[in-house]
Structure formats: C-alpha cells, structure tokens
Amino acid sequence: MEMPRDFVGYANKPPAFEWPGGARLALNVVVNYEEGSERNRVDGDEELEPLTEASYPVRPGEREFVAESVYEYGSRVGIWRIIDLFDKYQVRPTIFTCAVAMERNPIVTQAFVERGYDMVGHGYRWISHFTMAEDEERDQIRKAVESVKRTTGKRMIGWFTRPPQTINTRRILVEEGFLFDSGAINDDLPYFQEVKGRPFLIVPYTLDINDIRFWKGGMFLADHFASYAIDAFDALHRESARVPRMMSVGLHPRVIGRPGRILGLDRFLAHVRDYKDVWVAPRTEIARAWAERFAPPNTWNWPA
C-alpha cells in the first residue's frame, strides 16, 4: 500500500547532527501566497472559496465581493507589511507559491525575486487536489512549475499541496523531478519515506504555529500569535541542546498582514533575533542540508 502510516519515526534515537554553522535549531518562515488563486466566480468556479474571514450569502452563480476583497487585501497591503518585517529582521522566507497569484501581481513577484526568497510549489491555483484524477493532478503540478519558472526564473524543487494531497501526489512529485514534499505535520525533523521503492525526502510543515488560527477561532490578539510562537520556539530550542530540531511558522498575507495582527509576528522575530545558535533558513536550503547529510543510497532526485 502506498504511503503506509508510521507511528514510530525517529523515536528515542534521533540523528546526531548540527545544522550549518553549528546551529542547534533550524527555523523556516513560510508565506502562503495564494491571493488571486482561490475559488471565485471570476475564474469560473462553481463553488466559492469557503475559507475566508468574512463571507455573506449570495444567490447561486453570483460573486461574493466581500470574500474577494479579503483576499485582495493580502496582495494589496498585507504582503508589503510582511516584506517590511522580513527586511527589518533580515529573514529570507519560503514562499508557498500559487502560480496564478504570482502571475497576477508581478510587483510582488519581483519583490520576492529581488530578495532571493525561496519558492516552493503550492499549486497552479489554491485548490485541493484530492478530487483530481492522476493525469489532472500531474497537469496542475506541471503548469505550476512552468508558470513560476517564467515569473521568477527558477525551477521549484519543493512542493506543498493544499491539504489533503492524494495517494498519487508524492509519486507524481518523484516522477516530475522534485527533491522534497512538505505535505506532512508529523515530525520536528525532515525524514525519508519510501516512494516507488526508493527514499524520498519529506520536510514537515505546521498547522499550529500558523496564523490561520486567527480565522479558525484559536487566536484573536496579536499577542496570542506571538506568545504561542515564542513558546514553541523556546521549547524546541531547549530540546535542541540534546537533539537537532526544526521549526516551521506558517503565514498568510491576508491574515497576519492586518494591522491588528502584524505586531505578533514582529514580537516573535524580535525574540528569535537574540539567539545566535539558530539557523533561520529557506525550506529548500534546509532540505538540501538534510539530504547532504542523511540521504540513503539510491535516494530519489538527489542531488538535484
């Protein structure tokens, strides 16, 4: 059976390891850039995007302008607040990249490129693949790769499907030449999973250290985000005195980019800045560092 469940992982024997520069903890900050690629009537979608901060009933086939404007805020205003903070703290994030969103805002795309942000595929559009046949899913992944290559000049080698992914996703990624997938939240370290009889790299993500909890009722104040993220960081940093650790932070321009929330991210980044043994790094660089050290023989797509 493809993708068997693993309840053991590294258990009580995590690998002995130091991140580049002797760091104890690798921190990856992710911006999910989806604005303009969500489901909406303008793009011919029969269903409207259900994940939004505010939605109002409309008659069948009509546009929902408030939900549309929520997403527009992220690309018009929110993303620039986030970029300003990254400039302030010299953070080079990973962009979970929806290709259509990048196509529709070339000014933002250029800002990403000029700063050398890391690009990881997040779909041609921000839609789940779980209802797709294999050929359709493969076509969506290929379209995303080609589009982002046109807009940024670089070929992505990492992927994160809008959950849930399909039973075919990782096999398709292997066949399409990807180095790693981030469609898992089951560990605090990268690991290898067998795909088509050979090891394939998984770099886990997070849904708890994630600003989407503002929309899902888990957070309300900027301090809630800062406090939770700082507590997670402190716990992982303490553990990293014994074993290597990785931390992910998930952001969305339309969410954390609001003025009442952005200070939560500011406070977290200010806290992290005081630690000299933390490697704040793009996800693709983390994947490469792990693979260089731990890739088993006959690993898929390594080196890339």
Protein backbone atom coordinates (compact mmCIF):
# COMPACT_ATOMS: atom_id res chain seq x y z
CA MET A 1 0.00 0.00 0.00
CA GLU A 2 1.37 3.43 -0.93
CA MET A 3 2.15 5.88 1.90
CA PRO A 4 1.89 3.47 4.85
CA ARG A 5 1.43 5.14 8.24
CA ASP A 6 4.47 5.42 10.51
CA PHE A 7 3.83 5.87 14.23
CA VAL A 8 7.48 5.44 15.26
CA GLY A 9 9.64 7.87 13.32
CA TYR A 10 12.99 8.61 14.97
CA ALA A 11 11.56 7.56 18.37
CA ASN A 12 14.21 7.88 21.09
CA LYS A 13 17.11 7.75 18.64
CA PRO A 14 17.06 10.98 16.61
CA PRO A 15 20.08 11.53 14.37
CA ALA A 16 23.14 13.26 15.77
CA PHE A 17 23.53 16.40 13.72
CA GLU A 18 24.34 20.09 13.63
CA TRP A 19 22.77 22.49 11.19
CA PRO A 20 25.09 24.70 9.09
CA GLY A 21 27.27 26.99 11.16
CA GLY A 22 26.87 24.74 14.19
CA ALA A 23 23.24 25.82 14.74
CA ARG A 24 21.04 23.78 17.06
CA LEU A 25 17.68 24.76 15.61
CA ALA A 26 16.60 25.44 12.03
CA LEU A 27 13.73 27.93 11.69
CA ASN A 28 11.76 28.24 8.47
CA VAL A 29 9.21 31.03 7.99
CA VAL A 30 6.63 30.31 5.29
CA VAL A 31 4.37 32.79 3.50
CA ASN A 32 1.45 31.12 1.76
CA TYR A 33 0.99 33.39 -1.25
CA GLU A 34 -2.47 32.40 -2.50
CA GLU A 35 -4.30 35.68 -3.10
CA GLY A 36 -5.94 35.69 -6.51
CA SER A 37 -5.76 31.92 -6.97
CA GLU A 38 -8.63 30.99 -4.64
CA ARG A 39 -12.00 29.78 -5.90
CA ASN A 40 -14.22 32.59 -7.18
CA ARG A 41 -16.82 33.33 -9.84
CA VAL A 42 -14.50 35.47 -11.95
CA ASP A 43 -12.39 32.39 -12.70
CA GLY A 44 -15.45 30.31 -13.46
CA ASP A 45 -15.60 28.30 -10.24
CA GLU A 46 -18.93 26.76 -9.36
CA GLU A 47 -18.05 26.71 -5.66
CA LEU A 48 -16.81 29.77 -3.80
CA GLU A 49 -13.79 29.62 -1.50
CA PRO A 50 -15.12 28.63 1.94
CA LEU A 51 -12.01 29.65 3.93
CA THR A 52 -12.38 33.37 4.48
CA GLU A 53 -12.53 35.83 7.35
CA ALA A 54 -15.98 37.08 6.38
CA SER A 55 -18.48 35.67 3.92
CA TYR A 56 -22.04 36.63 3.08
CA PRO A 57 -24.78 34.71 1.31
CA VAL A 58 -25.24 35.32 -2.40
CA ARG A 59 -27.63 33.91 -4.95
CA PRO A 60 -26.41 30.92 -6.97
CA GLY A 61 -23.92 31.97 -9.63
CA GLU A 62 -23.30 35.44 -8.18
CA ARG A 63 -19.99 36.86 -6.93
CA GLU A 64 -19.29 37.37 -3.21
CA PHE A 65 -17.47 40.67 -3.21
CA VAL A 66 -16.56 40.77 0.49
CA ALA A 67 -14.72 37.45 0.31
CA GLU A 68 -12.97 38.60 -2.86
CA SER A 69 -11.85 41.79 -1.13
CA VAL A 70 -10.50 39.84 1.86
CA TYR A 71 -8.08 38.10 -0.48
CA GLU A 72 -7.29 41.29 -2.38
CA TYR A 73 -6.21 42.92 0.88
CA GLY A 74 -3.49 40.32 1.27
CA SER A 75 -1.86 41.12 -2.06
CA ARG A 76 -2.53 44.88 -1.99
CA VAL A 77 -1.43 45.64 1.58
CA GLY A 78 -0.73 42.65 3.83
CA ILE A 79 2.18 41.20 1.87
CA TRP A 80 4.05 44.51 1.98
CA ARG A 81 3.79 44.66 5.78
CA ILE A 82 5.29 41.19 5.93
CA ILE A 83 8.07 42.05 3.48
CA ASP A 84 8.92 45.14 5.54
CA LEU A 85 9.34 42.97 8.64
CA PHE A 86 11.49 40.46 6.79
CA ASP A 87 13.69 43.34 5.62
CA LYS A 88 13.91 44.63 9.19
CA TYR A 89 15.00 41.28 10.63
CA GLN A 90 16.89 40.06 7.56
CA VAL A 91 14.69 36.99 7.18
CA ARG A 92 14.68 35.10 3.89
CA PRO A 93 11.40 33.17 3.93
CA THR A 94 9.94 30.40 1.87
CA ILE A 95 7.00 31.31 -0.34
CA PHE A 96 4.44 28.54 -0.72
CA THR A 97 3.72 29.69 -4.23
CA CYS A 98 0.39 29.57 -6.04
CA ALA A 99 1.37 30.25 -9.63
CA VAL A 100 -1.71 32.24 -10.63
CA ALA A 101 -1.29 34.53 -7.62
CA MET A 102 2.27 35.27 -8.75
CA GLU A 103 1.13 35.91 -12.31
CA ARG A 104 -1.49 38.40 -11.16
CA ASN A 105 0.81 40.53 -9.03
CA PRO A 106 4.12 40.98 -10.87
CA ILE A 107 5.20 43.77 -8.50
CA VAL A 108 5.05 41.43 -5.51
CA THR A 109 6.69 38.66 -7.53
CA GLN A 110 9.55 41.00 -8.43
CA ALA A 111 9.99 41.91 -4.76
CA PHE A 112 10.30 38.20 -3.94
CA VAL A 113 12.84 37.67 -6.70
CA GLU A 114 14.95 40.71 -5.79
CA ARG A 115 15.21 39.48 -2.20
CA GLY A 116 16.05 35.92 -3.15
CA TYR A 117 13.04 34.35 -1.46
CA ASP A 118 12.72 30.58 -1.65
CA MET A 119 9.95 29.24 -3.89
CA VAL A 120 8.08 26.03 -3.04
CA GLY A 121 5.14 24.91 -5.16
CA HIS A 122 1.67 25.35 -3.69
CA GLY A 123 -0.41 24.64 -6.78
CA TYR A 124 -1.20 26.31 -10.06
CA ARG A 125 -4.22 27.63 -8.18
CA TRP A 126 -5.04 27.36 -4.49
CA ILE A 127 -7.28 24.33 -4.81
CA SER A 128 -7.12 20.88 -3.26
CA HIS A 129 -6.09 18.02 -5.49
CA PHE A 130 -7.93 15.26 -3.64
CA THR A 131 -10.81 15.14 -6.14
CA MET A 132 -8.49 15.08 -9.17
CA ALA A 133 -7.61 12.12 -11.33
CA GLU A 134 -3.90 11.41 -11.57
CA ASP A 135 -3.48 12.99 -15.00
CA GLU A 136 -5.21 16.18 -13.89
CA GLU A 137 -3.10 16.45 -10.76
CA ARG A 138 0.09 15.94 -12.75
CA ASP A 139 -1.02 18.61 -15.22
CA GLN A 140 -1.68 21.09 -12.38
CA ILE A 141 1.78 20.46 -10.91
CA ARG A 142 3.46 20.87 -14.29
CA LYS A 143 1.56 24.09 -15.00
CA ALA A 144 2.62 25.48 -11.62
CA VAL A 145 6.28 24.63 -12.24
CA GLU A 146 6.33 26.23 -15.68
CA SER A 147 4.45 29.33 -14.57
CA VAL A 148 6.71 30.02 -11.57
CA LYS A 149 9.77 29.39 -13.71
CA ARG A 150 8.52 32.11 -16.12
CA THR A 151 7.75 34.63 -13.37
CA THR A 152 10.82 34.05 -11.17
CA GLY A 153 13.41 32.49 -13.46
CA LYS A 154 13.85 29.47 -11.18
CA ARG A 155 12.61 25.89 -11.18
CA MET A 156 11.00 24.84 -7.89
CA ILE A 157 12.15 21.55 -6.33
CA GLY A 158 9.86 21.52 -3.28
CA TRP A 159 6.08 21.15 -3.03
CA PHE A 160 3.16 21.61 -0.65
CA THR A 161 -0.29 20.72 -1.95
CA ARG A 162 -3.26 22.44 -0.36
CA PRO A 163 -4.41 19.67 2.01
CA PRO A 164 -5.36 16.99 1.56
CA GLN A 165 -2.96 15.59 -1.03
CA THR A 166 -3.79 12.42 -2.91
CA ILE A 167 -2.34 8.93 -2.78
CA ASN A 168 -0.60 9.81 -6.07
CA THR A 169 0.94 13.14 -5.06
CA ARG A 170 4.36 12.01 -3.87
CA ARG A 171 4.79 9.55 -6.70
CA ILE A 172 3.99 12.33 -9.17
CA LEU A 173 6.49 14.63 -7.43
CA VAL A 174 9.17 11.96 -7.74
CA GLU A 175 8.40 11.44 -11.42
CA GLU A 176 8.41 15.20 -12.06
CA GLY A 177 11.86 15.68 -10.52
CA PHE A 178 11.13 17.22 -7.12
CA LEU A 179 13.58 16.95 -4.24
CA PHE A 180 11.08 17.11 -1.37
CA ASP A 181 7.46 17.35 -0.27
CA SER A 182 6.15 19.25 2.76
CA GLY A 183 2.71 17.66 2.90
CA ALA A 184 3.07 16.34 6.47
CA ILE A 185 2.89 17.72 10.00
CA ASN A 186 4.12 14.58 11.76
CA ASP A 187 7.65 15.44 12.92
CA ASP A 188 10.06 18.17 14.04
CA LEU A 189 12.75 16.92 11.66
CA PRO A 190 12.92 16.02 7.97
CA TYR A 191 12.82 12.33 7.14
CA PHE A 192 12.80 9.96 4.18
CA GLN A 193 9.77 7.96 3.06
CA GLU A 194 9.77 5.16 0.52
CA VAL A 195 8.14 6.13 -2.77
CA LYS A 196 8.29 3.68 -5.68
CA GLY A 197 10.81 1.61 -3.75
CA ARG A 198 13.29 4.42 -3.11
CA PRO A 199 13.67 7.06 -0.32
CA PHE A 200 12.07 10.46 -0.94
CA LEU A 201 12.62 13.47 1.34
CA ILE A 202 9.79 14.87 3.47
CA VAL A 203 10.27 18.26 5.18
CA PRO A 204 7.32 18.62 7.59
CA TYR A 205 5.22 21.78 7.92
CA THR A 206 2.97 23.12 10.69
CA LEU A 207 -0.69 23.95 11.17
CA ASP A 208 -0.42 25.03 14.81
CA ILE A 209 2.30 27.70 14.62
CA ASN A 210 0.21 29.23 11.90
CA ASP A 211 -1.72 32.48 11.61
CA ILE A 212 -4.69 30.68 10.01
CA ARG A 213 -5.76 30.02 13.60
CA PHE A 214 -6.96 33.65 13.68
CA TRP A 215 -9.60 32.62 11.15
CA LYS A 216 -10.37 29.30 12.79
CA GLY A 217 -11.01 30.71 16.24
CA GLY A 218 -7.81 29.68 18.00
CA MET A 219 -6.38 33.20 18.23
CA PHE A 220 -7.75 36.72 18.46
CA LEU A 221 -4.98 39.06 19.63
CA ALA A 222 -1.55 39.65 18.13
CA ASP A 223 -0.13 38.60 21.49
CA HIS A 224 -1.78 35.20 21.12
CA PHE A 225 0.24 34.54 17.98
CA ALA A 226 3.46 35.93 19.48
CA SER A 227 3.07 34.02 22.74
CA TYR A 228 2.34 30.69 21.09
CA ALA A 229 5.13 31.02 18.53
CA ILE A 230 7.66 32.11 21.19
CA ASP A 231 6.67 29.25 23.50
CA ALA A 232 7.08 26.75 20.65
CA PHE A 233 10.44 28.26 19.73
CA ASP A 234 11.69 28.18 23.33
CA ALA A 235 10.62 24.56 23.79
CA LEU A 236 12.31 23.45 20.58
CA HIS A 237 15.44 25.45 21.34
CA ARG A 238 15.68 23.82 24.77
CA GLU A 239 15.30 20.36 23.22
CA SER A 240 17.90 21.21 20.58
CA ALA A 241 20.59 21.12 23.24
CA ARG A 242 20.18 17.30 23.03
CA VAL A 243 18.86 16.66 19.51
CA PRO A 244 18.56 18.73 16.32
CA ARG A 245 15.21 20.39 15.79
CA MET A 246 13.36 22.22 13.03
CA MET A 247 10.57 24.76 13.47
CA SER A 248 8.13 26.00 10.84
CA VAL A 249 5.95 29.11 11.03
CA GLY A 250 3.03 29.50 8.62
CA LEU A 251 1.82 32.92 7.49
CA HIS A 252 -0.79 34.35 5.10
CA PRO A 253 -0.70 37.97 3.87
CA ARG A 254 -4.47 38.39 4.25
CA VAL A 255 -4.29 37.14 7.85
CA ILE A 256 -1.11 38.24 9.69
CA GLY A 257 -0.84 41.22 7.32
CA ARG A 258 -3.70 43.01 9.07
CA PRO A 259 -2.55 45.95 11.26
CA GLY A 260 -4.02 44.42 14.41
CA ARG A 261 -2.02 41.21 13.96
CA ILE A 262 1.32 42.14 12.39
CA LEU A 263 2.89 43.09 15.72
CA GLY A 264 2.57 39.47 16.80
CA LEU A 265 4.97 38.49 14.04
CA ASP A 266 7.21 41.44 14.88
CA ARG A 267 7.47 40.33 18.51
CA PHE A 268 8.28 36.77 17.53
CA LEU A 269 11.03 37.79 15.11
CA ALA A 270 12.49 40.17 17.70
CA HIS A 271 12.66 37.27 20.15
CA VAL A 272 14.37 34.98 17.64
CA ARG A 273 16.95 37.61 16.75
CA ASP A 274 18.60 37.27 20.17
CA TYR A 275 19.64 33.64 19.54
CA LYS A 276 22.94 33.09 17.76
CA ASP A 277 22.65 29.30 17.52
CA VAL A 278 19.51 29.32 15.35
CA TRP A 279 19.65 28.97 11.58
CA VAL A 280 16.82 30.99 10.03
CA ALA A 281 16.73 29.44 6.60
CA PRO A 282 14.65 28.84 3.48
CA ARG A 283 12.98 25.44 3.32
CA THR A 284 14.85 24.36 0.19
CA GLU A 285 18.19 25.04 1.90
CA ILE A 286 17.05 23.02 4.92
CA ALA A 287 16.09 20.17 2.58
CA ARG A 288 19.47 20.27 0.86
CA ALA A 289 21.35 20.34 4.17
CA TRP A 290 19.43 17.32 5.44
CA ALA A 291 19.82 15.37 2.23
CA GLU A 292 23.53 16.08 2.02
CA ARG A 293 23.98 14.58 5.47
CA PHE A 294 21.38 11.82 5.64
CA ALA A 295 20.28 10.79 2.15
CA PRO A 296 20.26 6.96 1.99
CA PRO A 297 21.70 5.19 -1.05
CA ASN A 298 19.53 5.29 -4.15
CA THR A 299 17.56 8.31 -2.94
CA TRP A 300 15.13 9.88 -5.39
CA ASN A 301 16.23 13.12 -7.04
CA TRP A 302 19.37 13.69 -5.03
CA PRO A 303 21.50 15.52 -5.89
CA ALA A 304 19.11 17.95 -7.61
